[in-house]
């Protein structure tokens, strides 16, 4: 009985800090957006020692901003 109460307390705490409304949708959108940008190489590549590398910093910043804009809209978070 104590374990069930403890588990409910942990879930309630995670809900209070916004895990389900803010953190998880942010991580989901960021990860998907970053993966798409890395795969498509839409923001360009860098050549270092005759090898092509994606611009990870630029891809990460675009994915971060996109994810931030998504969680700023409560309607989009509700869809996710």
N, C-alpha and C. Protein backbone atom coordinates (compact mmCIF):
# COMPACT_ATOMS: atom_id res chain seq x y z
N UNK A 1 0.81 -1.19 0.00
CA UNK A 1 0.00 0.00 0.00
C UNK A 1 0.86 1.26 0.00
N UNK A 2 1.97 1.21 0.73
CA UNK A 2 2.84 2.37 0.80
C UNK A 2 3.49 2.64 -0.55
N UNK A 3 3.86 1.60 -1.28
CA UNK A 3 4.50 1.77 -2.58
C UNK A 3 3.56 2.44 -3.58
N UNK A 4 2.29 2.07 -3.56
CA UNK A 4 1.33 2.67 -4.47
C UNK A 4 1.16 4.15 -4.17
N UNK A 5 1.13 4.50 -2.91
CA UNK A 5 1.00 5.89 -2.50
C UNK A 5 2.24 6.68 -2.91
N UNK A 6 3.40 6.10 -2.75
CA UNK A 6 4.64 6.75 -3.14
C UNK A 6 4.68 6.97 -4.65
N UNK A 7 4.25 5.98 -5.42
CA UNK A 7 4.23 6.09 -6.87
C UNK A 7 3.28 7.20 -7.31
N UNK A 8 2.11 7.26 -6.68
CA UNK A 8 1.17 8.34 -7.01
C UNK A 8 1.75 9.70 -6.66
N UNK A 9 2.49 9.76 -5.56
CA UNK A 9 3.12 11.01 -5.17
C UNK A 9 4.15 11.47 -6.18
N UNK A 10 4.93 10.54 -6.69
CA UNK A 10 5.94 10.87 -7.70
C UNK A 10 5.28 11.35 -8.98
N UNK A 11 4.24 10.66 -9.42
CA UNK A 11 3.52 11.06 -10.64
C UNK A 11 2.89 12.44 -10.45
N UNK A 12 2.31 12.67 -9.28
CA UNK A 12 1.73 13.98 -8.98
C UNK A 12 2.77 15.08 -8.98
N UNK A 13 3.94 14.79 -8.42
CA UNK A 13 5.03 15.77 -8.40
C UNK A 13 5.49 16.11 -9.82
N UNK A 14 5.65 15.08 -10.66
CA UNK A 14 6.07 15.32 -12.04
C UNK A 14 5.03 16.14 -12.79
N UNK A 15 3.76 15.92 -12.48
CA UNK A 15 2.70 16.70 -13.11
C UNK A 15 2.75 18.15 -12.65
N UNK A 16 3.04 18.38 -11.37
CA UNK A 16 3.12 19.74 -10.84
C UNK A 16 4.25 20.54 -11.48
N UNK A 17 5.38 19.92 -11.71
CA UNK A 17 6.51 20.66 -12.28
C UNK A 17 6.39 20.83 -13.80
N UNK A 18 5.35 20.26 -14.40
CA UNK A 18 5.10 20.48 -15.82
C UNK A 18 5.77 19.50 -16.74
N UNK A 19 6.06 18.32 -16.26
CA UNK A 19 6.74 17.33 -17.10
C UNK A 19 5.89 16.98 -18.32
N UNK A 20 4.61 16.79 -18.12
CA UNK A 20 3.74 16.34 -19.20
C UNK A 20 3.28 17.48 -20.11
N UNK A 21 3.23 18.69 -19.58
CA UNK A 21 2.73 19.82 -20.36
C UNK A 21 3.83 20.62 -21.04
N UNK A 22 5.04 20.55 -20.52
CA UNK A 22 6.11 21.40 -21.05
C UNK A 22 7.32 20.57 -21.50
N UNK A 23 7.87 19.79 -20.61
CA UNK A 23 9.15 19.15 -20.88
C UNK A 23 9.05 18.06 -21.95
N UNK A 24 8.09 17.15 -21.81
CA UNK A 24 7.99 16.07 -22.80
C UNK A 24 7.62 16.57 -24.20
N UNK A 25 6.63 17.48 -24.35
CA UNK A 25 6.39 18.00 -25.71
C UNK A 25 7.59 18.74 -26.29
N UNK A 26 8.33 19.48 -25.44
CA UNK A 26 9.51 20.18 -25.91
C UNK A 26 10.55 19.19 -26.43
N UNK A 27 10.82 18.15 -25.64
CA UNK A 27 11.82 17.16 -26.05
C UNK A 27 11.40 16.42 -27.32
N UNK A 28 10.12 16.12 -27.43
CA UNK A 28 9.62 15.42 -28.62
C UNK A 28 9.80 16.27 -29.86
N UNK A 29 9.35 17.51 -29.81
CA UNK A 29 9.45 18.38 -30.98
C UNK A 29 10.91 18.67 -31.31
N UNK A 30 11.73 18.93 -30.30
CA UNK A 30 13.15 19.21 -30.53
C UNK A 30 13.83 18.02 -31.21
N UNK A 31 13.58 16.82 -30.70
CA UNK A 31 14.23 15.63 -31.25
C UNK A 31 13.82 15.37 -32.69
N UNK A 32 12.54 15.45 -32.96
CA UNK A 32 12.05 15.20 -34.32
C UNK A 32 12.57 16.26 -35.28
N UNK A 33 12.52 17.52 -34.86
CA UNK A 33 12.98 18.60 -35.73
C UNK A 33 14.49 18.50 -35.99
N UNK A 34 15.26 18.20 -34.96
CA UNK A 34 16.71 18.07 -35.12
C UNK A 34 17.04 16.90 -36.05
N UNK A 35 16.34 15.79 -35.90
CA UNK A 35 16.59 14.63 -36.76
C UNK A 35 16.27 14.94 -38.21
N UNK A 36 15.18 15.64 -38.44
CA UNK A 36 14.81 16.00 -39.82
C UNK A 36 15.86 16.92 -40.42
N UNK A 37 16.30 17.91 -39.66
CA UNK A 37 17.32 18.85 -40.18
C UNK A 37 18.65 18.15 -40.44
N UNK A 38 19.02 17.21 -39.58
CA UNK A 38 20.27 16.47 -39.78
C UNK A 38 20.19 15.57 -41.01
N UNK A 39 19.07 14.92 -41.18
CA UNK A 39 18.92 13.96 -42.28
C UNK A 39 18.84 14.67 -43.64
N UNK A 40 18.09 15.78 -43.69
CA UNK A 40 17.90 16.45 -44.98
C UNK A 40 19.05 17.38 -45.34
N UNK A 41 19.86 17.77 -44.34
CA UNK A 41 20.98 18.69 -44.55
C UNK A 41 20.52 19.99 -45.22
N UNK A 42 19.34 20.44 -44.84
CA UNK A 42 18.73 21.60 -45.48
C UNK A 42 19.46 22.91 -45.13
N UNK A 43 20.14 22.96 -44.00
CA UNK A 43 20.84 24.18 -43.60
C UNK A 43 22.31 24.18 -44.00
N UNK A 44 22.72 23.19 -44.76
CA UNK A 44 24.06 23.17 -45.30
C UNK A 44 24.98 22.17 -44.63
N UNK A 45 26.16 22.04 -45.24
CA UNK A 45 27.17 21.11 -44.73
C UNK A 45 28.52 21.84 -44.67
N UNK A 46 29.42 21.29 -43.89
CA UNK A 46 30.79 21.80 -43.81
C UNK A 46 31.73 20.71 -44.31
N UNK A 47 32.76 21.11 -45.04
CA UNK A 47 33.76 20.14 -45.49
C UNK A 47 34.99 20.28 -44.62
N UNK A 48 35.33 19.20 -43.94
CA UNK A 48 36.53 19.18 -43.11
C UNK A 48 37.31 17.93 -43.50
N UNK A 49 38.52 18.13 -44.01
CA UNK A 49 39.36 17.02 -44.46
C UNK A 49 38.63 16.12 -45.46
N UNK A 50 38.00 16.73 -46.44
CA UNK A 50 37.26 16.03 -47.50
C UNK A 50 36.11 15.17 -46.98
N UNK A 51 35.59 15.49 -45.80
CA UNK A 51 34.41 14.81 -45.27
C UNK A 51 33.31 15.83 -45.05
N UNK A 52 32.08 15.42 -45.33
CA UNK A 52 30.94 16.31 -45.16
C UNK A 52 30.34 16.13 -43.77
N UNK A 53 30.15 17.24 -43.08
CA UNK A 53 29.52 17.25 -41.76
C UNK A 53 28.36 18.24 -41.79
N UNK A 54 27.28 17.89 -41.13
CA UNK A 54 26.16 18.83 -41.05
C UNK A 54 26.49 19.92 -40.05
N UNK A 55 25.78 21.02 -40.16
CA UNK A 55 25.98 22.13 -39.22
C UNK A 55 25.12 21.88 -37.98
N UNK A 56 25.67 21.10 -37.07
CA UNK A 56 24.92 20.66 -35.89
C UNK A 56 24.49 21.82 -35.01
N UNK A 57 25.34 22.82 -34.84
CA UNK A 57 24.98 23.96 -34.00
C UNK A 57 23.79 24.71 -34.56
N UNK A 58 23.80 24.93 -35.86
CA UNK A 58 22.69 25.63 -36.50
C UNK A 58 21.42 24.79 -36.45
N UNK A 59 21.56 23.50 -36.72
CA UNK A 59 20.40 22.61 -36.65
C UNK A 59 19.81 22.58 -35.24
N UNK A 60 20.67 22.55 -34.24
CA UNK A 60 20.20 22.51 -32.86
C UNK A 60 19.48 23.80 -32.48
N UNK A 61 19.99 24.93 -32.91
CA UNK A 61 19.34 26.20 -32.58
C UNK A 61 17.99 26.33 -33.26
N UNK A 62 17.89 25.93 -34.51
CA UNK A 62 16.60 25.99 -35.21
C UNK A 62 15.61 25.03 -34.56
N UNK A 63 16.05 23.84 -34.21
CA UNK A 63 15.17 22.88 -33.54
C UNK A 63 14.75 23.39 -32.18
N UNK A 64 15.67 24.02 -31.44
CA UNK A 64 15.34 24.57 -30.12
C UNK A 64 14.29 25.67 -30.23
N UNK A 65 14.49 26.58 -31.16
CA UNK A 65 13.52 27.68 -31.34
C UNK A 65 12.16 27.16 -31.78
N UNK A 66 12.15 26.20 -32.67
CA UNK A 66 10.89 25.63 -33.11
C UNK A 66 10.17 24.94 -31.96
N UNK A 67 10.89 24.17 -31.18
CA UNK A 67 10.28 23.48 -30.04
C UNK A 67 9.78 24.49 -29.02
N UNK A 68 10.52 25.56 -28.80
CA UNK A 68 10.09 26.59 -27.86
C UNK A 68 8.81 27.27 -28.33
N UNK A 69 8.71 27.55 -29.62
CA UNK A 69 7.50 28.15 -30.17
C UNK A 69 6.31 27.21 -30.07
N UNK A 70 6.55 25.93 -30.22
CA UNK A 70 5.46 24.95 -30.11
C UNK A 70 4.92 24.91 -28.68
N UNK A 71 5.81 24.86 -27.69
CA UNK A 71 5.30 24.78 -26.32
C UNK A 71 4.74 26.11 -25.84
N UNK A 72 5.06 27.22 -26.52
CA UNK A 72 4.47 28.51 -26.18
C UNK A 72 2.99 28.56 -26.57
N UNK A 73 2.60 27.75 -27.52
CA UNK A 73 1.21 27.68 -27.95
C UNK A 73 0.51 26.51 -27.24
N UNK A 74 -0.43 26.82 -26.39
CA UNK A 74 -1.13 25.78 -25.64
C UNK A 74 -1.95 24.88 -26.54
N UNK A 75 -2.44 25.43 -27.64
CA UNK A 75 -3.23 24.62 -28.57
C UNK A 75 -2.38 23.55 -29.24
N UNK A 76 -1.15 23.90 -29.61
CA UNK A 76 -0.27 22.90 -30.22
C UNK A 76 0.16 21.84 -29.21
N UNK A 77 0.38 22.24 -27.98
CA UNK A 77 0.73 21.27 -26.94
C UNK A 77 -0.41 20.31 -26.71
N UNK A 78 -1.63 20.81 -26.77
CA UNK A 78 -2.80 19.93 -26.60
C UNK A 78 -2.90 18.92 -27.75
N UNK A 79 -2.50 19.33 -28.95
CA UNK A 79 -2.51 18.41 -30.09
C UNK A 79 -1.46 17.33 -29.90
N UNK A 80 -0.28 17.72 -29.41
CA UNK A 80 0.81 16.76 -29.19
C UNK A 80 0.41 15.83 -28.08
